[in-house]
Structures are given as structure tokens and as C-alpha cells.
Amino acid sequence: MKTGRRFKHTKSPTGRLLEEAQNLRDEAKLLPHGPLRDAALRKARQTEAAAHMDAWLNSPGLQPPEKDDIPGPN
């Protein structure tokens, strides 16, 4: 059975997302104004938002809700 190539990431998922967002912004600077540039900038904003959400979800300050805070029947 053939296995796929494996490698270890040296950067965190948040770091990789932020790097991709910066690459998209740099690419957008080279494009003329228009739909392609707008799409690249939109993708960069989405990627940055994903990086911030990943950082927030993995932060040590994030706590699960208390049993009393969960809506619904008890």
C-alpha cells in the first residue's frame, strides 16, 4: 500500500492563515482595479477573519459554558 507524503508544519494554523492573507493582499496590489482584485481582497479579509477566529477559539481564556447558562430544558 502506498502512503502519501507527510511533513510537519513549522507554523501554527493561525500563522499560516495570516501569511496566506498577506500573500493575497500582495497579489491584489499587482492587479488592476476590477473584479479579480476585489475577489483577492475579499479572500484576504476572509482568511484574516479565520485566523482571528482560530486564535480566539484556541485561547486559554475561552471556557465552556456553565450548565446553568445553556439554554433549553433542564
N, C-alpha and C. Protein backbone atom coordinates (compact mmCIF):
# COMPACT_ATOMS: atom_id res chain seq x y z
N MET A 1 0.84 -1.18 0.00
CA MET A 1 0.00 0.00 0.00
C MET A 1 0.88 1.24 0.00
N LYS A 2 0.58 2.16 -0.88
CA LYS A 2 1.36 3.38 -0.98
C LYS A 2 0.80 4.43 -0.04
N THR A 3 1.67 5.07 0.70
CA THR A 3 1.22 6.12 1.61
C THR A 3 1.56 7.48 1.04
N GLY A 4 0.81 8.48 1.46
CA GLY A 4 1.06 9.84 0.99
C GLY A 4 2.26 10.46 1.66
N ARG A 5 2.71 11.55 1.11
CA ARG A 5 3.84 12.26 1.70
C ARG A 5 3.37 12.93 2.98
N ARG A 6 4.20 12.88 3.97
CA ARG A 6 3.88 13.51 5.25
C ARG A 6 4.96 14.51 5.59
N PHE A 7 4.55 15.61 6.18
CA PHE A 7 5.51 16.60 6.63
C PHE A 7 4.93 17.30 7.85
N LYS A 8 5.81 17.87 8.62
CA LYS A 8 5.42 18.55 9.84
C LYS A 8 5.37 20.04 9.57
N HIS A 9 4.27 20.67 9.94
CA HIS A 9 4.16 22.11 9.78
C HIS A 9 5.03 22.80 10.80
N THR A 10 5.74 23.83 10.36
CA THR A 10 6.58 24.57 11.28
C THR A 10 5.87 25.79 11.84
N LYS A 11 4.76 26.18 11.21
CA LYS A 11 4.00 27.33 11.68
C LYS A 11 2.64 26.87 12.19
N SER A 12 2.07 27.68 13.07
CA SER A 12 0.75 27.37 13.59
C SER A 12 -0.29 27.60 12.50
N PRO A 13 -1.49 27.03 12.65
CA PRO A 13 -2.54 27.29 11.66
C PRO A 13 -2.85 28.79 11.53
N THR A 14 -2.83 29.49 12.65
CA THR A 14 -3.09 30.94 12.62
C THR A 14 -2.00 31.64 11.82
N GLY A 15 -0.76 31.26 12.04
CA GLY A 15 0.35 31.87 11.30
C GLY A 15 0.27 31.61 9.81
N ARG A 16 -0.11 30.38 9.45
CA ARG A 16 -0.25 30.06 8.03
C ARG A 16 -1.39 30.84 7.40
N LEU A 17 -2.50 31.02 8.13
CA LEU A 17 -3.63 31.79 7.60
C LEU A 17 -3.23 33.26 7.41
N LEU A 18 -2.52 33.83 8.38
CA LEU A 18 -2.11 35.22 8.26
C LEU A 18 -1.11 35.41 7.12
N GLU A 19 -0.24 34.43 6.92
CA GLU A 19 0.71 34.51 5.81
C GLU A 19 -0.03 34.44 4.47
N GLU A 20 -1.03 33.58 4.38
CA GLU A 20 -1.83 33.49 3.15
C GLU A 20 -2.58 34.79 2.89
N ALA A 21 -3.11 35.40 3.94
CA ALA A 21 -3.81 36.68 3.78
C ALA A 21 -2.86 37.75 3.25
N GLN A 22 -1.63 37.79 3.78
CA GLN A 22 -0.66 38.77 3.31
C GLN A 22 -0.29 38.50 1.85
N ASN A 23 -0.13 37.24 1.48
CA ASN A 23 0.17 36.90 0.09
C ASN A 23 -0.95 37.35 -0.84
N LEU A 24 -2.20 37.18 -0.41
CA LEU A 24 -3.34 37.61 -1.22
C LEU A 24 -3.37 39.13 -1.36
N ARG A 25 -3.04 39.85 -0.29
CA ARG A 25 -3.00 41.31 -0.37
C ARG A 25 -1.89 41.78 -1.31
N ASP A 26 -0.73 41.11 -1.23
CA ASP A 26 0.37 41.47 -2.14
C ASP A 26 -0.01 41.20 -3.59
N GLU A 27 -0.69 40.09 -3.81
CA GLU A 27 -1.15 39.75 -5.16
C GLU A 27 -2.17 40.78 -5.66
N ALA A 28 -3.06 41.22 -4.77
CA ALA A 28 -4.09 42.19 -5.16
C ALA A 28 -3.47 43.53 -5.55
N LYS A 29 -2.35 43.89 -4.92
CA LYS A 29 -1.69 45.16 -5.25
C LYS A 29 -1.21 45.17 -6.70
N LEU A 30 -0.89 44.00 -7.22
CA LEU A 30 -0.38 43.91 -8.59
C LEU A 30 -1.49 43.89 -9.64
N LEU A 31 -2.72 43.63 -9.19
CA LEU A 31 -3.84 43.52 -10.13
C LEU A 31 -4.46 44.89 -10.38
N PRO A 32 -4.99 45.10 -11.59
CA PRO A 32 -5.71 46.35 -11.84
C PRO A 32 -7.05 46.34 -11.11
N HIS A 33 -7.59 47.53 -10.88
CA HIS A 33 -8.89 47.62 -10.22
C HIS A 33 -9.92 46.85 -11.04
N GLY A 34 -10.73 46.07 -10.35
CA GLY A 34 -11.74 45.27 -11.04
C GLY A 34 -12.15 44.08 -10.20
N PRO A 35 -12.92 43.17 -10.80
CA PRO A 35 -13.46 42.04 -10.05
C PRO A 35 -12.40 41.07 -9.52
N LEU A 36 -11.30 40.87 -10.25
CA LEU A 36 -10.27 39.95 -9.78
C LEU A 36 -9.58 40.50 -8.53
N ARG A 37 -9.30 41.80 -8.55
CA ARG A 37 -8.67 42.43 -7.38
C ARG A 37 -9.62 42.40 -6.18
N ASP A 38 -10.88 42.70 -6.42
CA ASP A 38 -11.88 42.68 -5.35
C ASP A 38 -11.99 41.27 -4.76
N ALA A 39 -11.94 40.26 -5.60
CA ALA A 39 -12.03 38.88 -5.11
C ALA A 39 -10.82 38.52 -4.26
N ALA A 40 -9.64 38.97 -4.67
CA ALA A 40 -8.43 38.68 -3.90
C ALA A 40 -8.47 39.37 -2.54
N LEU A 41 -8.93 40.62 -2.51
CA LEU A 41 -9.03 41.34 -1.24
C LEU A 41 -10.10 40.73 -0.34
N ARG A 42 -11.20 40.29 -0.93
CA ARG A 42 -12.27 39.65 -0.15
C ARG A 42 -11.74 38.35 0.48
N LYS A 43 -11.01 37.57 -0.31
CA LYS A 43 -10.44 36.32 0.20
C LYS A 43 -9.42 36.60 1.31
N ALA A 44 -8.65 37.68 1.17
CA ALA A 44 -7.68 38.05 2.21
C ALA A 44 -8.40 38.40 3.51
N ARG A 45 -9.49 39.16 3.41
CA ARG A 45 -10.27 39.51 4.62
C ARG A 45 -10.86 38.27 5.26
N GLN A 46 -11.38 37.35 4.45
CA GLN A 46 -11.95 36.11 4.99
C GLN A 46 -10.87 35.27 5.68
N THR A 47 -9.70 35.23 5.09
CA THR A 47 -8.61 34.45 5.66
C THR A 47 -8.14 35.05 6.97
N GLU A 48 -8.07 36.40 7.04
CA GLU A 48 -7.71 37.06 8.30
C GLU A 48 -8.76 36.79 9.37
N ALA A 49 -10.02 36.84 8.98
CA ALA A 49 -11.09 36.56 9.94
C ALA A 49 -10.98 35.13 10.46
N ALA A 50 -10.65 34.19 9.59
CA ALA A 50 -10.49 32.80 10.01
C ALA A 50 -9.31 32.67 10.98
N ALA A 51 -8.23 33.42 10.73
CA ALA A 51 -7.07 33.37 11.63
C ALA A 51 -7.44 33.91 13.00
N HIS A 52 -8.20 35.01 13.03
CA HIS A 52 -8.60 35.59 14.32
C HIS A 52 -9.56 34.65 15.06
N MET A 53 -10.45 34.01 14.33
CA MET A 53 -11.37 33.06 14.99
C MET A 53 -10.60 31.86 15.53
N ASP A 54 -9.62 31.38 14.77
CA ASP A 54 -8.82 30.25 15.23
C ASP A 54 -8.05 30.62 16.50
N ALA A 55 -7.47 31.81 16.51
CA ALA A 55 -6.74 32.25 17.70
C ALA A 55 -7.68 32.39 18.89
N TRP A 56 -8.88 32.93 18.66
CA TRP A 56 -9.84 33.10 19.74
C TRP A 56 -10.31 31.75 20.28
N LEU A 57 -10.61 30.82 19.37
CA LEU A 57 -11.09 29.51 19.80
C LEU A 57 -10.02 28.72 20.54
N ASN A 58 -8.76 28.94 20.21
CA ASN A 58 -7.68 28.21 20.86
C ASN A 58 -7.08 28.96 22.04
N SER A 59 -7.65 30.11 22.40
CA SER A 59 -7.09 30.89 23.51
C SER A 59 -7.36 30.19 24.83
N PRO A 60 -6.44 30.32 25.77
CA PRO A 60 -6.62 29.66 27.07
C PRO A 60 -7.74 30.29 27.89
N GLY A 61 -8.15 31.51 27.56
CA GLY A 61 -9.20 32.17 28.33
C GLY A 61 -10.60 31.70 27.98
N LEU A 62 -10.75 30.97 26.89
CA LEU A 62 -12.06 30.51 26.46
C LEU A 62 -12.49 29.35 27.35
N GLN A 63 -13.64 29.49 27.99
CA GLN A 63 -14.14 28.48 28.91
C GLN A 63 -15.46 27.92 28.39
N PRO A 64 -15.74 26.65 28.64
CA PRO A 64 -17.03 26.11 28.24
C PRO A 64 -18.14 26.75 29.08
N PRO A 65 -19.36 26.80 28.57
CA PRO A 65 -20.45 27.43 29.32
C PRO A 65 -20.79 26.62 30.57
N GLU A 66 -21.26 27.33 31.57
CA GLU A 66 -21.75 26.67 32.78
C GLU A 66 -23.03 25.93 32.45
N LYS A 67 -23.36 24.93 33.22
CA LYS A 67 -24.58 24.15 32.95
C LYS A 67 -25.81 25.04 33.00
N ASP A 68 -25.83 26.02 33.92
CA ASP A 68 -26.98 26.90 34.06
C ASP A 68 -27.09 27.89 32.91
N ASP A 69 -26.00 28.12 32.18
CA ASP A 69 -26.01 29.08 31.08
C ASP A 69 -26.50 28.50 29.77
N ILE A 70 -26.62 27.17 29.70
CA ILE A 70 -27.04 26.52 28.46
C ILE A 70 -28.56 26.63 28.34
N PRO A 71 -29.03 27.24 27.21
CA PRO A 71 -30.48 27.37 27.04
C PRO A 71 -31.12 26.01 26.75
N GLY A 72 -32.38 25.92 27.04
CA GLY A 72 -33.12 24.68 26.76
C GLY A 72 -33.69 24.09 28.02
N PRO A 73 -34.38 22.97 27.88
CA PRO A 73 -34.98 22.34 29.06
C PRO A 73 -33.92 21.81 30.01
N ASN A 74 -34.22 21.86 31.30
CA ASN A 74 -33.25 21.41 32.31
C ASN A 74 -33.35 19.96 32.56
